[in-house]
């Protein structure tokens, strides 16, 4: 049981590390790796839930909960950054469209 929990902890730590290294330029490369790590950790979690009682597994909950919260915060931060980036691009597009309209009206 400790081996499986240790493996989950390792996988979640790797997910967090990859999330912290993600950028716009490497997103397409890193995100599938993150998904794969999460899928593998889910398999281990299902195995543990099917073979051990929840009371037995509660011993390990604090460590895993902390990692899960950090991963959620990292995902939220990435989503927030992308949303801000999209809003900035939308403003730039709107500015260019308005500029085009002014040029058209001045003809």
Protein backbone atom coordinates (compact mmCIF):
# COMPACT_ATOMS: atom_id res chain seq x y z
CA UNK A 1 0.00 0.00 0.00
CA UNK A 2 2.78 2.43 0.89
CA UNK A 3 4.40 1.78 -2.49
CA UNK A 4 1.23 2.74 -4.36
CA UNK A 5 0.72 5.87 -2.25
CA UNK A 6 4.37 6.75 -2.76
CA UNK A 7 3.92 6.33 -6.50
CA UNK A 8 0.87 8.60 -6.48
CA UNK A 9 2.79 11.20 -4.47
CA UNK A 10 5.68 11.00 -6.94
CA UNK A 11 3.34 11.36 -9.93
CA UNK A 12 1.53 14.34 -8.41
CA UNK A 13 4.87 15.98 -7.61
CA UNK A 14 5.90 15.51 -11.25
CA UNK A 15 2.60 17.03 -12.40
CA UNK A 16 3.20 20.05 -10.19
CA UNK A 17 6.78 20.41 -11.45
CA UNK A 18 5.61 20.26 -15.07
CA UNK A 19 2.82 22.75 -14.41
CA UNK A 20 5.30 25.21 -12.94
CA UNK A 21 7.49 24.90 -16.03
CA UNK A 22 4.70 25.31 -18.58
CA UNK A 23 4.90 28.28 -20.97
CA UNK A 24 3.11 29.31 -24.13
CA UNK A 25 5.94 27.92 -26.24
CA UNK A 26 6.07 24.47 -24.61
CA UNK A 27 2.36 24.03 -23.76
CA UNK A 28 1.68 21.57 -26.60
CA UNK A 29 4.61 19.41 -25.51
CA UNK A 30 4.17 19.50 -21.72
CA UNK A 31 0.39 19.28 -21.35
CA UNK A 32 0.06 15.73 -22.77
CA UNK A 33 2.78 14.65 -20.35
CA UNK A 34 0.79 16.16 -17.46
CA UNK A 35 -2.37 14.39 -18.63
CA UNK A 36 -0.52 11.09 -18.81
CA UNK A 37 0.84 11.52 -15.28
CA UNK A 38 -2.62 12.34 -13.95
CA UNK A 39 -4.14 9.32 -15.71
CA UNK A 40 -1.52 7.04 -14.19
CA UNK A 41 -2.10 8.46 -10.71
CA UNK A 42 -5.85 7.85 -11.16
CA UNK A 43 -5.16 4.18 -11.94
CA UNK A 44 -3.18 3.81 -8.73
CA UNK A 45 -5.89 5.64 -6.78
CA UNK A 46 -8.59 3.30 -8.13
CA UNK A 47 -6.46 0.30 -7.22
CA UNK A 48 -6.04 1.56 -3.66
CA UNK A 49 -9.74 2.37 -3.26
CA UNK A 50 -10.74 -1.08 -4.51
CA UNK A 51 -8.27 -2.96 -2.28
CA UNK A 52 -8.18 -0.94 0.95
CA UNK A 53 -10.75 0.73 3.16
CA UNK A 54 -11.04 4.49 3.29
CA UNK A 55 -10.01 4.41 6.95
CA UNK A 56 -6.74 2.72 6.03
CA UNK A 57 -6.08 5.28 3.33
CA UNK A 58 -6.86 8.33 5.48
CA UNK A 59 -3.38 8.11 6.97
CA UNK A 60 -1.92 9.35 3.68
CA UNK A 61 -4.61 11.93 2.95
CA UNK A 62 -2.89 15.10 4.26
CA UNK A 63 0.15 14.81 1.95
CA UNK A 64 -1.90 13.98 -1.11
CA UNK A 65 -4.50 16.65 -0.36
CA UNK A 66 -1.77 19.28 -0.12
CA UNK A 67 -0.36 18.24 -3.51
CA UNK A 68 -3.82 18.16 -5.08
CA UNK A 69 -4.53 21.71 -3.86
CA UNK A 70 -1.22 22.95 -5.24
CA UNK A 71 -1.98 21.35 -8.61
CA UNK A 72 -5.43 22.94 -8.65
CA UNK A 73 -3.92 26.35 -7.87
CA UNK A 74 -1.36 25.92 -10.65
CA UNK A 75 -4.09 25.02 -13.15
CA UNK A 76 -6.10 28.02 -11.98
CA UNK A 77 -3.10 30.32 -12.39
CA UNK A 78 -2.45 29.05 -15.91
CA UNK A 79 -6.10 29.52 -16.84
CA UNK A 80 -6.11 33.01 -15.36
CA UNK A 81 -2.95 33.97 -17.26
CA UNK A 82 -4.39 32.64 -20.54
CA UNK A 83 -7.62 34.54 -19.93
CA UNK A 84 -5.70 37.78 -19.39
CA UNK A 85 -3.63 37.12 -22.50
CA UNK A 86 -6.79 36.55 -24.54
CA UNK A 87 -8.37 39.75 -23.19
CA UNK A 88 -5.25 41.71 -24.15
CA UNK A 89 -5.33 40.23 -27.67
CA UNK A 90 -9.03 41.04 -27.98
CA UNK A 91 -8.29 44.67 -27.04
CA UNK A 92 -5.53 44.85 -29.65
CA UNK A 93 -7.82 43.39 -32.32
CA UNK A 94 -10.54 45.86 -31.41
CA UNK A 95 -8.03 48.70 -31.62
CA UNK A 96 -6.91 47.59 -35.09
CA UNK A 97 -10.52 47.23 -36.28
CA UNK A 98 -11.34 50.73 -35.02
CA UNK A 99 -8.25 52.07 -36.75
CA UNK A 100 -9.37 50.44 -40.02
CA UNK A 101 -12.82 52.02 -39.68
CA UNK A 102 -11.28 55.46 -39.15
CA UNK A 103 -9.13 55.04 -42.25
CA UNK A 104 -12.17 53.94 -44.25
CA UNK A 105 -14.23 56.93 -43.04
CA UNK A 106 -11.43 59.37 -43.85
CA UNK A 107 -11.41 58.34 -47.54
